[in-house]
């Protein structure tokens, strides 16, 4: 399991202990809906569309560039960060950010709708339901384990330099993913 934008966000919120359970739940719910859409046939339609796949990649690339810039700005700050520091003003703001990171991230669609949808689509209808249920269950296990496991990293992140390093790595990861998405779009034209 690769640590992408959505997973990095869940991990960082888990370390902060800031709305980490609702965020993990929302990510799992989004995955479940997208897995269901994928195994019901949408994955094949998107992967064969000459319009949808590039559109998803362009929008996702732009979003990942923006999110990486925010992480870079945070890494360059001279302020000290504490685990108890709240980043969001409310649960609603945290969940809106989770929605944006999930639904504007093309990797979420590629992994759930396209990849799992195309694999699940090979099974008979009843088996497809079991395949989707298993994938959705794993999603819940993954996000809640990631959120819970972050607790053991919390002592490390009491040091400001750790936050700066994490934010720097998140920036590099987001910009790398954006470059791969956008370069794939450019070479496909």
N, C-alpha and C. Protein backbone atom coordinates (compact mmCIF):
# COMPACT_ATOMS: atom_id res chain seq x y z
N UNK A 1 0.86 -1.17 0.00
CA UNK A 1 0.00 0.00 0.00
C UNK A 1 0.90 1.23 0.00
N UNK A 2 0.78 2.03 -1.02
CA UNK A 2 1.59 3.25 -1.12
C UNK A 2 0.98 4.36 -0.26
N UNK A 3 1.85 5.22 0.24
CA UNK A 3 1.38 6.37 1.02
C UNK A 3 1.24 7.54 0.04
N UNK A 4 0.02 7.81 -0.34
CA UNK A 4 -0.27 8.91 -1.24
C UNK A 4 -0.81 10.11 -0.47
N UNK A 5 -1.43 11.03 -1.18
CA UNK A 5 -1.93 12.27 -0.57
C UNK A 5 -2.93 11.99 0.54
N UNK A 6 -3.89 11.14 0.24
CA UNK A 6 -4.93 10.83 1.21
C UNK A 6 -4.35 10.13 2.44
N UNK A 7 -3.46 9.16 2.22
CA UNK A 7 -2.87 8.43 3.34
C UNK A 7 -1.94 9.32 4.17
N UNK A 8 -1.19 10.19 3.52
CA UNK A 8 -0.32 11.12 4.24
C UNK A 8 -1.15 12.05 5.13
N UNK A 9 -2.30 12.48 4.63
CA UNK A 9 -3.17 13.35 5.40
C UNK A 9 -3.73 12.61 6.62
N UNK A 10 -4.19 11.37 6.43
CA UNK A 10 -4.71 10.58 7.55
C UNK A 10 -3.61 10.37 8.59
N UNK A 11 -2.41 10.06 8.13
CA UNK A 11 -1.29 9.86 9.04
C UNK A 11 -0.97 11.13 9.82
N UNK A 12 -0.91 12.25 9.12
CA UNK A 12 -0.56 13.49 9.81
C UNK A 12 -1.65 13.90 10.80
N UNK A 13 -2.90 13.68 10.47
CA UNK A 13 -3.99 14.00 11.41
C UNK A 13 -4.00 13.02 12.57
N UNK A 14 -3.60 11.78 12.32
CA UNK A 14 -3.49 10.81 13.40
C UNK A 14 -2.40 11.18 14.39
N UNK A 15 -1.27 11.66 13.87
CA UNK A 15 -0.18 12.12 14.74
C UNK A 15 -0.66 13.30 15.57
N UNK A 16 -1.39 14.22 14.94
CA UNK A 16 -1.89 15.40 15.65
C UNK A 16 -3.04 15.06 16.60
N UNK A 17 -3.67 13.89 16.38
CA UNK A 17 -4.86 13.48 17.14
C UNK A 17 -5.98 14.49 16.93
N UNK A 18 -6.06 14.98 15.70
CA UNK A 18 -7.04 16.00 15.36
C UNK A 18 -8.08 15.43 14.40
N UNK A 19 -9.26 15.16 14.92
CA UNK A 19 -10.37 14.63 14.12
C UNK A 19 -9.96 13.38 13.34
N UNK A 20 -9.04 12.62 13.89
CA UNK A 20 -8.48 11.49 13.15
C UNK A 20 -9.47 10.35 12.94
N UNK A 21 -10.36 10.10 13.87
CA UNK A 21 -11.33 9.01 13.68
C UNK A 21 -12.37 9.38 12.62
N UNK A 22 -12.99 10.57 12.68
CA UNK A 22 -13.94 10.91 11.61
C UNK A 22 -13.27 10.98 10.23
N UNK A 23 -12.02 11.43 10.18
CA UNK A 23 -11.31 11.49 8.91
C UNK A 23 -11.08 10.09 8.36
N UNK A 24 -10.63 9.17 9.22
CA UNK A 24 -10.42 7.78 8.79
C UNK A 24 -11.75 7.16 8.33
N UNK A 25 -12.82 7.46 9.05
CA UNK A 25 -14.14 6.93 8.67
C UNK A 25 -14.61 7.47 7.33
N UNK A 26 -14.41 8.78 7.10
CA UNK A 26 -14.84 9.37 5.83
C UNK A 26 -14.02 8.81 4.67
N UNK A 27 -12.71 8.66 4.85
CA UNK A 27 -11.88 8.07 3.79
C UNK A 27 -12.34 6.65 3.46
N UNK A 28 -12.66 5.88 4.48
CA UNK A 28 -13.15 4.51 4.27
C UNK A 28 -14.49 4.50 3.55
N UNK A 29 -15.36 5.41 3.93
CA UNK A 29 -16.67 5.49 3.29
C UNK A 29 -16.53 5.89 1.81
N UNK A 30 -15.67 6.86 1.54
CA UNK A 30 -15.44 7.28 0.15
C UNK A 30 -14.90 6.11 -0.66
N UNK A 31 -13.92 5.39 -0.11
CA UNK A 31 -13.38 4.22 -0.81
C UNK A 31 -14.48 3.20 -1.09
N UNK A 32 -15.33 2.96 -0.11
CA UNK A 32 -16.40 1.97 -0.26
C UNK A 32 -17.33 2.36 -1.41
N UNK A 33 -17.72 3.62 -1.47
CA UNK A 33 -18.60 4.09 -2.55
C UNK A 33 -17.92 3.96 -3.90
N UNK A 34 -16.64 4.34 -3.97
CA UNK A 34 -15.92 4.27 -5.24
C UNK A 34 -15.65 2.82 -5.66
N UNK A 35 -15.38 1.95 -4.70
CA UNK A 35 -15.21 0.53 -5.02
C UNK A 35 -16.51 -0.03 -5.59
N UNK A 36 -17.62 0.31 -4.96
CA UNK A 36 -18.93 -0.15 -5.45
C UNK A 36 -19.18 0.36 -6.87
N UNK A 37 -18.85 1.62 -7.11
CA UNK A 37 -19.02 2.17 -8.46
C UNK A 37 -18.13 1.44 -9.46
N UNK A 38 -16.91 1.16 -9.05
CA UNK A 38 -15.97 0.48 -9.95
C UNK A 38 -16.40 -0.92 -10.31
N UNK A 39 -16.81 -1.71 -9.30
CA UNK A 39 -17.17 -3.10 -9.61
C UNK A 39 -18.53 -3.20 -10.30
N UNK A 40 -19.29 -2.11 -10.28
CA UNK A 40 -20.56 -2.13 -11.00
C UNK A 40 -20.41 -1.70 -12.46
N UNK A 41 -19.17 -1.43 -12.90
CA UNK A 41 -18.93 -1.17 -14.32
C UNK A 41 -18.34 0.18 -14.66
N UNK A 42 -18.32 1.13 -13.72
CA UNK A 42 -17.81 2.46 -14.02
C UNK A 42 -16.31 2.44 -14.32
N UNK A 43 -15.57 1.53 -13.70
CA UNK A 43 -14.12 1.45 -13.90
C UNK A 43 -13.75 1.22 -15.35
N UNK A 44 -14.48 0.34 -16.00
CA UNK A 44 -14.21 0.05 -17.41
C UNK A 44 -14.53 1.28 -18.27
N UNK A 45 -15.63 1.96 -17.98
CA UNK A 45 -16.00 3.15 -18.75
C UNK A 45 -14.96 4.26 -18.65
N UNK A 46 -14.48 4.54 -17.44
CA UNK A 46 -13.49 5.61 -17.25
C UNK A 46 -12.17 5.27 -17.92
N UNK A 47 -11.70 4.03 -17.73
CA UNK A 47 -10.39 3.68 -18.28
C UNK A 47 -10.39 3.69 -19.81
N UNK A 48 -11.56 3.55 -20.44
CA UNK A 48 -11.64 3.56 -21.90
C UNK A 48 -12.01 4.93 -22.46
N UNK A 49 -12.30 5.89 -21.59
CA UNK A 49 -12.70 7.23 -22.04
C UNK A 49 -11.48 8.07 -22.39
N UNK A 50 -11.51 8.66 -23.58
CA UNK A 50 -10.41 9.54 -23.99
C UNK A 50 -10.57 10.93 -23.37
N UNK A 51 -11.70 11.22 -22.74
CA UNK A 51 -11.93 12.52 -22.11
C UNK A 51 -11.79 12.45 -20.59
N UNK A 52 -12.41 11.45 -19.96
CA UNK A 52 -12.47 11.40 -18.50
C UNK A 52 -11.12 11.17 -17.84
N UNK A 53 -10.35 10.21 -18.30
CA UNK A 53 -9.09 9.89 -17.65
C UNK A 53 -8.12 11.07 -17.71
N UNK A 54 -7.91 11.73 -18.86
CA UNK A 54 -7.03 12.91 -18.86
C UNK A 54 -7.59 14.05 -17.99
N UNK A 55 -8.90 14.24 -17.99
CA UNK A 55 -9.50 15.29 -17.18
C UNK A 55 -9.24 15.05 -15.70
N UNK A 56 -9.42 13.83 -15.25
CA UNK A 56 -9.15 13.47 -13.86
C UNK A 56 -7.68 13.70 -13.54
N UNK A 57 -6.80 13.34 -14.46
CA UNK A 57 -5.36 13.52 -14.23
C UNK A 57 -4.98 15.00 -14.15
N UNK A 58 -5.50 15.86 -15.03
CA UNK A 58 -5.19 17.30 -14.99
C UNK A 58 -5.68 17.94 -13.70
N UNK A 59 -6.92 17.67 -13.34
CA UNK A 59 -7.48 18.24 -12.11
C UNK A 59 -6.70 17.75 -10.89
N UNK A 60 -6.42 16.48 -10.86
CA UNK A 60 -5.66 15.92 -9.75
C UNK A 60 -4.25 16.46 -9.67
N UNK A 61 -3.59 16.62 -10.81
CA UNK A 61 -2.25 17.18 -10.84
C UNK A 61 -2.21 18.60 -10.29
N UNK A 62 -3.17 19.41 -10.70
CA UNK A 62 -3.24 20.79 -10.21
C UNK A 62 -3.47 20.81 -8.70
N UNK A 63 -4.36 19.97 -8.22
CA UNK A 63 -4.64 19.92 -6.79
C UNK A 63 -3.41 19.47 -6.00
N UNK A 64 -2.70 18.46 -6.50
CA UNK A 64 -1.52 17.96 -5.80
C UNK A 64 -0.40 19.01 -5.77
N UNK A 65 -0.28 19.81 -6.84
CA UNK A 65 0.69 20.91 -6.84
C UNK A 65 0.35 21.92 -5.74
N UNK A 66 -0.92 22.27 -5.63
CA UNK A 66 -1.37 23.22 -4.62
C UNK A 66 -1.14 22.67 -3.21
N UNK A 67 -1.51 21.41 -2.98
CA UNK A 67 -1.34 20.80 -1.66
C UNK A 67 0.13 20.70 -1.30
N UNK A 68 0.99 20.38 -2.27
CA UNK A 68 2.43 20.33 -2.05
C UNK A 68 2.98 21.69 -1.66
N UNK A 69 2.47 22.75 -2.30
CA UNK A 69 2.90 24.11 -1.98
C UNK A 69 2.53 24.46 -0.53
N UNK A 70 1.37 24.04 -0.08
CA UNK A 70 0.98 24.28 1.31
C UNK A 70 1.91 23.55 2.27
N UNK A 71 2.28 22.32 1.93
CA UNK A 71 3.19 21.55 2.77
C UNK A 71 4.57 22.19 2.80
N UNK A 72 5.03 22.69 1.65
CA UNK A 72 6.32 23.37 1.60
C UNK A 72 6.31 24.63 2.46
N UNK A 73 5.25 25.39 2.35
CA UNK A 73 5.14 26.61 3.17
C UNK A 73 5.20 26.26 4.65
N UNK A 74 4.53 25.19 5.04
CA UNK A 74 4.54 24.76 6.43
C UNK A 74 5.94 24.30 6.84
N UNK A 75 6.65 23.60 5.95
CA UNK A 75 7.99 23.11 6.27
C UNK A 75 8.99 24.25 6.43
N UNK A 76 8.77 25.35 5.74
CA UNK A 76 9.71 26.47 5.78
C UNK A 76 9.46 27.45 6.92
N UNK A 77 8.36 27.29 7.60
CA UNK A 77 8.04 28.19 8.72
C UNK A 77 9.04 27.99 9.84
N UNK A 78 9.32 29.08 10.53
CA UNK A 78 10.24 28.99 11.67
C UNK A 78 9.49 28.78 12.98
N UNK A 79 8.19 28.71 12.90
CA UNK A 79 7.39 28.52 14.10
C UNK A 79 7.55 27.08 14.59
N UNK A 80 7.39 26.91 15.89
CA UNK A 80 7.41 25.56 16.42
C UNK A 80 6.01 24.98 16.34
N UNK A 81 5.95 23.70 16.11
CA UNK A 81 4.66 23.01 16.03
C UNK A 81 4.56 22.02 17.17
N UNK A 82 3.37 21.89 17.71
CA UNK A 82 3.13 20.92 18.78
C UNK A 82 2.02 20.00 18.33
N UNK A 83 2.08 18.76 18.83
CA UNK A 83 1.07 17.79 18.44
C UNK A 83 -0.32 18.26 18.80
N UNK A 84 -0.46 19.00 19.88
CA UNK A 84 -1.78 19.45 20.31
C UNK A 84 -2.31 20.64 19.51
N UNK A 85 -1.46 21.24 18.67
CA UNK A 85 -1.88 22.39 17.87
C UNK A 85 -2.96 21.98 16.89
N UNK A 86 -4.06 22.72 16.88
CA UNK A 86 -5.16 22.43 15.96
C UNK A 86 -4.91 23.11 14.62
N UNK A 87 -5.08 22.37 13.56
CA UNK A 87 -4.91 22.92 12.23
C UNK A 87 -6.25 23.42 11.69
N UNK A 88 -7.31 22.77 12.08
CA UNK A 88 -8.63 23.09 11.56
C UNK A 88 -9.47 23.77 12.62
N UNK A 89 -10.31 24.69 12.17
CA UNK A 89 -11.17 25.41 13.11
C UNK A 89 -12.36 24.58 13.56
N UNK A 90 -12.70 23.53 12.78
CA UNK A 90 -13.86 22.72 13.14
C UNK A 90 -13.77 21.35 12.49
N UNK A 91 -14.62 20.45 12.95
CA UNK A 91 -14.72 19.14 12.33
C UNK A 91 -15.15 19.27 10.88
N UNK A 92 -16.07 20.18 10.61
CA UNK A 92 -16.54 20.40 9.24
C UNK A 92 -15.41 20.79 8.30
N UNK A 93 -14.52 21.66 8.76
CA UNK A 93 -13.37 22.07 7.93
C UNK A 93 -12.45 20.89 7.68
N UNK A 94 -12.24 20.07 8.70
CA UNK A 94 -11.39 18.89 8.54
C UNK A 94 -12.01 17.90 7.55
N UNK A 95 -13.32 17.71 7.63
CA UNK A 95 -13.99 16.77 6.73
C UNK A 95 -14.05 17.31 5.30
N UNK A 96 -14.20 18.63 5.14
CA UNK A 96 -14.16 19.22 3.79
C UNK A 96 -12.79 19.03 3.15
N UNK A 97 -11.73 19.19 3.94
CA UNK A 97 -10.38 18.96 3.43
C UNK A 97 -10.21 17.49 3.07
N UNK A 98 -10.76 16.61 3.88
CA UNK A 98 -10.69 15.17 3.59
C UNK A 98 -11.41 14.87 2.28
N UNK A 99 -12.57 15.47 2.09
CA UNK A 99 -13.31 15.28 0.83
C UNK A 99 -12.49 15.76 -0.37
N UNK A 100 -11.88 16.93 -0.22
CA UNK A 100 -11.07 17.48 -1.31
C UNK A 100 -9.88 16.58 -1.61
N UNK A 101 -9.15 16.17 -0.56
CA UNK A 101 -7.98 15.31 -0.76
C UNK A 101 -8.37 13.96 -1.35
N UNK A 102 -9.55 13.51 -1.04
CA UNK A 102 -10.00 12.21 -1.55
C UNK A 102 -10.56 12.32 -2.96
N UNK A 103 -11.49 13.24 -3.15
CA UNK A 103 -12.22 13.28 -4.42
C UNK A 103 -11.49 14.03 -5.52
N UNK A 104 -10.52 14.87 -5.18
CA UNK A 104 -9.73 15.56 -6.21
C UNK A 104 -8.41 14.84 -6.49
N UNK A 105 -8.21 13.71 -5.85
CA UNK A 105 -7.01 12.92 -6.01
C UNK A 105 -7.25 11.81 -7.04
N UNK A 106 -6.65 11.90 -8.21
CA UNK A 106 -6.92 10.88 -9.24
C UNK A 106 -6.48 9.48 -8.83
N UNK A 107 -5.51 9.38 -7.93
CA UNK A 107 -5.06 8.05 -7.51
C UNK A 107 -6.18 7.29 -6.79
N UNK A 108 -7.04 8.03 -6.10
CA UNK A 108 -8.16 7.38 -5.42
C UNK A 108 -9.06 6.70 -6.47
N UNK A 109 -9.34 7.41 -7.57
CA UNK A 109 -10.18 6.84 -8.62
C UNK A 109 -9.47 5.72 -9.36
N UNK A 110 -8.19 5.92 -9.63
CA UNK A 110 -7.44 4.90 -10.35
C UNK A 110 -7.34 3.61 -9.54
N UNK A 111 -7.14 3.75 -8.22
CA UNK A 111 -7.02 2.57 -7.37
C UNK A 111 -8.36 1.88 -7.12
N UNK A 112 -9.40 2.67 -6.84
CA UNK A 112 -10.68 2.06 -6.46
C UNK A 112 -11.57 1.77 -7.67
N UNK A 113 -11.89 2.81 -8.43
CA UNK A 113 -12.84 2.65 -9.53
C UNK A 113 -12.22 1.87 -10.69
N UNK A 114 -11.06 2.30 -11.14
CA UNK A 114 -10.48 1.69 -12.34
C UNK A 114 -9.82 0.35 -12.03
N UNK A 115 -8.85 0.33 -11.10
CA UNK A 115 -8.12 -0.92 -10.83
C UNK A 115 -9.01 -1.98 -10.18
N UNK A 116 -9.57 -1.66 -9.01
CA UNK A 116 -10.42 -2.65 -8.34
C UNK A 116 -11.68 -2.94 -9.15
N UNK A 117 -12.20 -1.92 -9.85
CA UNK A 117 -13.37 -2.13 -10.70
C UNK A 117 -13.09 -3.09 -11.83
N UNK A 118 -11.93 -2.97 -12.45
CA UNK A 118 -11.62 -3.87 -13.56
C UNK A 118 -11.32 -5.28 -13.07
N UNK A 119 -10.69 -5.39 -11.90
CA UNK A 119 -10.45 -6.73 -11.34
C UNK A 119 -11.77 -7.35 -10.90
N UNK A 120 -12.56 -6.61 -10.15
CA UNK A 120 -13.84 -7.13 -9.66
C UNK A 120 -14.83 -7.42 -10.77
N UNK A 121 -14.73 -6.66 -11.86
CA UNK A 121 -15.63 -6.87 -12.99
C UNK A 121 -15.45 -8.20 -13.68
N UNK A 122 -14.36 -8.87 -13.41
CA UNK A 122 -14.09 -10.18 -14.03
C UNK A 122 -14.87 -11.31 -13.35
N UNK A 123 -15.37 -11.03 -12.15
CA UNK A 123 -16.08 -12.06 -11.40
C UNK A 123 -17.56 -12.07 -11.74
N UNK A 124 -18.20 -13.18 -11.44
CA UNK A 124 -19.66 -13.26 -11.58
C UNK A 124 -20.28 -12.28 -10.58
N UNK A 125 -21.53 -11.91 -10.81
CA UNK A 125 -22.16 -10.86 -10.01
C UNK A 125 -22.09 -11.11 -8.52
N UNK A 126 -22.42 -12.30 -8.06
CA UNK A 126 -22.40 -12.60 -6.63
C UNK A 126 -20.97 -12.54 -6.08
N UNK A 127 -20.01 -13.07 -6.82
CA UNK A 127 -18.62 -13.02 -6.38
C UNK A 127 -18.08 -11.59 -6.40
N UNK A 128 -18.56 -10.79 -7.33
CA UNK A 128 -18.16 -9.38 -7.42
C UNK A 128 -18.56 -8.64 -6.14
N UNK A 129 -19.73 -8.97 -5.61
CA UNK A 129 -20.20 -8.33 -4.37
C UNK A 129 -19.25 -8.69 -3.22
N UNK A 130 -18.86 -9.96 -3.14
CA UNK A 130 -17.94 -10.38 -2.09
C UNK A 130 -16.56 -9.74 -2.26
N UNK A 131 -16.11 -9.63 -3.50
CA UNK A 131 -14.83 -8.97 -3.79
C UNK A 131 -14.89 -7.52 -3.32
N UNK A 132 -15.95 -6.81 -3.65
CA UNK A 132 -16.12 -5.41 -3.24
C UNK A 132 -16.21 -5.27 -1.73
N UNK A 133 -16.93 -6.19 -1.09
CA UNK A 133 -17.05 -6.14 0.37
C UNK A 133 -15.68 -6.35 1.03
N UNK A 134 -14.90 -7.27 0.50
CA UNK A 134 -13.56 -7.51 1.03
C UNK A 134 -12.66 -6.30 0.85
N UNK A 135 -12.71 -5.69 -0.32
CA UNK A 135 -11.90 -4.50 -0.60
C UNK A 135 -12.32 -3.35 0.31
N UNK A 136 -13.62 -3.17 0.51
CA UNK A 136 -14.12 -2.11 1.39
C UNK A 136 -13.71 -2.37 2.84
N UNK A 137 -13.79 -3.62 3.27
CA UNK A 137 -13.38 -3.97 4.64
C UNK A 137 -11.89 -3.65 4.83
N UNK A 138 -11.08 -4.01 3.84
CA UNK A 138 -9.66 -3.70 3.95
C UNK A 138 -9.43 -2.19 4.02
N UNK A 139 -10.21 -1.42 3.30
CA UNK A 139 -10.09 0.03 3.35
C UNK A 139 -10.33 0.54 4.77
N UNK A 140 -11.38 0.04 5.41
CA UNK A 140 -11.65 0.44 6.80
C UNK A 140 -10.49 0.05 7.71
N UNK A 141 -10.01 -1.18 7.56
CA UNK A 141 -8.89 -1.65 8.39
C UNK A 141 -7.66 -0.77 8.14
N UNK A 142 -7.38 -0.46 6.87
CA UNK A 142 -6.20 0.33 6.52
C UNK A 142 -6.26 1.73 7.14
N UNK A 143 -7.35 2.46 6.90
CA UNK A 143 -7.41 3.85 7.37
C UNK A 143 -7.45 3.96 8.89
N UNK A 144 -8.17 3.06 9.55
CA UNK A 144 -8.21 3.13 11.00
C UNK A 144 -6.89 2.66 11.62
N UNK A 145 -6.22 1.70 10.99
CA UNK A 145 -4.89 1.28 11.47
C UNK A 145 -3.87 2.39 11.27
N UNK A 146 -3.95 3.08 10.15
CA UNK A 146 -3.04 4.19 9.88
C UNK A 146 -3.26 5.31 10.90
N UNK A 147 -4.51 5.60 11.19
CA UNK A 147 -4.83 6.64 12.16
C UNK A 147 -4.38 6.24 13.57
N UNK A 148 -4.62 4.99 13.93
CA UNK A 148 -4.23 4.49 15.25
C UNK A 148 -2.71 4.37 15.36
N UNK A 149 -2.08 3.85 14.32
CA UNK A 149 -0.63 3.68 14.34
C UNK A 149 0.13 4.98 14.45
N UNK A 150 -0.47 6.04 14.00
CA UNK A 150 0.16 7.36 14.09
C UNK A 150 0.39 7.76 15.54
N UNK A 151 -0.40 7.19 16.45
CA UNK A 151 -0.25 7.52 17.86
C UNK A 151 1.15 7.19 18.36
N UNK A 152 1.72 6.08 17.85
CA UNK A 152 3.05 5.69 18.28
C UNK A 152 4.13 6.62 17.71
N UNK A 153 3.78 7.36 16.67
CA UNK A 153 4.71 8.32 16.10
C UNK A 153 4.63 9.69 16.79
N UNK A 154 3.58 9.88 17.56
CA UNK A 154 3.36 11.20 18.19
C UNK A 154 4.55 11.69 19.01
N UNK A 155 5.22 10.85 19.83
CA UNK A 155 6.38 11.37 20.58
C UNK A 155 7.47 11.93 19.66
N UNK A 156 7.69 11.29 18.54
CA UNK A 156 8.68 11.78 17.59
C UNK A 156 8.30 13.18 17.08
N UNK A 157 7.01 13.40 16.89
CA UNK A 157 6.54 14.66 16.32
C UNK A 157 6.33 15.76 17.36
N UNK A 158 6.80 15.54 18.57
CA UNK A 158 6.82 16.63 19.54
C UNK A 158 7.97 17.58 19.26
N UNK A 159 8.89 17.13 18.43
CA UNK A 159 10.03 17.98 18.03
C UNK A 159 9.66 18.73 16.76
N UNK A 160 9.82 20.04 16.73
CA UNK A 160 9.45 20.83 15.55
C UNK A 160 10.14 20.38 14.26
N UNK A 161 11.39 19.93 14.36
CA UNK A 161 12.10 19.51 13.15
C UNK A 161 11.42 18.31 12.50
N UNK A 162 10.79 17.46 13.29
CA UNK A 162 10.09 16.29 12.73
C UNK A 162 8.93 16.73 11.85
N UNK A 163 8.19 17.75 12.30
CA UNK A 163 7.08 18.27 11.50
C UNK A 163 7.60 18.87 10.20
N UNK A 164 8.71 19.59 10.31
CA UNK A 164 9.28 20.22 9.12
C UNK A 164 9.72 19.16 8.11
N UNK A 165 10.32 18.08 8.61
CA UNK A 165 10.75 17.00 7.73
C UNK A 165 9.54 16.32 7.10
N UNK A 166 8.52 16.02 7.93
CA UNK A 166 7.31 15.39 7.39
C UNK A 166 6.66 16.28 6.34
N UNK A 167 6.51 17.56 6.62
CA UNK A 167 5.91 18.47 5.64
C UNK A 167 6.75 18.55 4.37
N UNK A 168 8.07 18.55 4.52
CA UNK A 168 8.94 18.55 3.35
C UNK A 168 8.78 17.29 2.51
N UNK A 169 8.69 16.14 3.18
CA UNK A 169 8.48 14.88 2.46
C UNK A 169 7.11 14.84 1.79
N UNK A 170 6.09 15.36 2.47
CA UNK A 170 4.75 15.42 1.87
C UNK A 170 4.79 16.30 0.62
N UNK A 171 5.48 17.43 0.69
CA UNK A 171 5.61 18.32 -0.47
C UNK A 171 6.26 17.58 -1.63
N UNK A 172 7.38 16.92 -1.37
CA UNK A 172 8.08 16.18 -2.43
C UNK A 172 7.17 15.10 -3.02
N UNK A 173 6.46 14.38 -2.15
CA UNK A 173 5.57 13.31 -2.62
C UNK A 173 4.45 13.87 -3.49
N UNK A 174 3.82 14.96 -3.04
CA UNK A 174 2.70 15.54 -3.80
C UNK A 174 3.18 16.06 -5.15
N UNK A 175 4.33 16.74 -5.16
CA UNK A 175 4.85 17.28 -6.42
C UNK A 175 5.31 16.17 -7.36
N UNK A 176 5.84 15.09 -6.81
CA UNK A 176 6.24 13.95 -7.65
C UNK A 176 5.00 13.31 -8.29
N UNK A 177 3.97 13.10 -7.48
CA UNK A 177 2.73 12.52 -8.02
C UNK A 177 2.11 13.44 -9.07
N UNK A 178 2.13 14.75 -8.80
CA UNK A 178 1.59 15.71 -9.77
C UNK A 178 2.40 15.66 -11.07
N UNK A 179 3.71 15.62 -10.96
CA UNK A 179 4.56 15.57 -12.16
C UNK A 179 4.30 14.31 -12.97
N UNK A 180 4.13 13.19 -12.28
CA UNK A 180 3.85 11.94 -12.99
C UNK A 180 2.49 12.00 -13.70
N UNK A 181 1.50 12.54 -13.02
CA UNK A 181 0.18 12.67 -13.64
C UNK A 181 0.21 13.60 -14.83
N UNK A 182 0.82 14.76 -14.65
CA UNK A 182 0.82 15.76 -15.73
C UNK A 182 1.72 15.35 -16.88
N UNK A 183 2.85 14.72 -16.60
CA UNK A 183 3.73 14.26 -17.68
C UNK A 183 3.07 13.13 -18.47
N UNK A 184 2.30 12.29 -17.80
CA UNK A 184 1.56 11.24 -18.50
C UNK A 184 0.52 11.83 -19.42
N UNK A 185 -0.13 12.91 -18.98
CA UNK A 185 -1.11 13.59 -19.82
C UNK A 185 -0.44 14.24 -21.03
N UNK A 186 0.73 14.84 -20.81
CA UNK A 186 1.41 15.52 -21.90
C UNK A 186 1.93 14.52 -22.94
N UNK A 187 2.44 13.38 -22.48
CA UNK A 187 2.97 12.40 -23.43
C UNK A 187 1.86 11.66 -24.16
N UNK A 188 0.65 11.65 -23.58
CA UNK A 188 -0.48 10.97 -24.22
C UNK A 188 -1.09 11.80 -25.34
N UNK A 189 -0.73 13.10 -25.41
CA UNK A 189 -1.34 13.98 -26.41
C UNK A 189 -0.57 13.95 -27.70
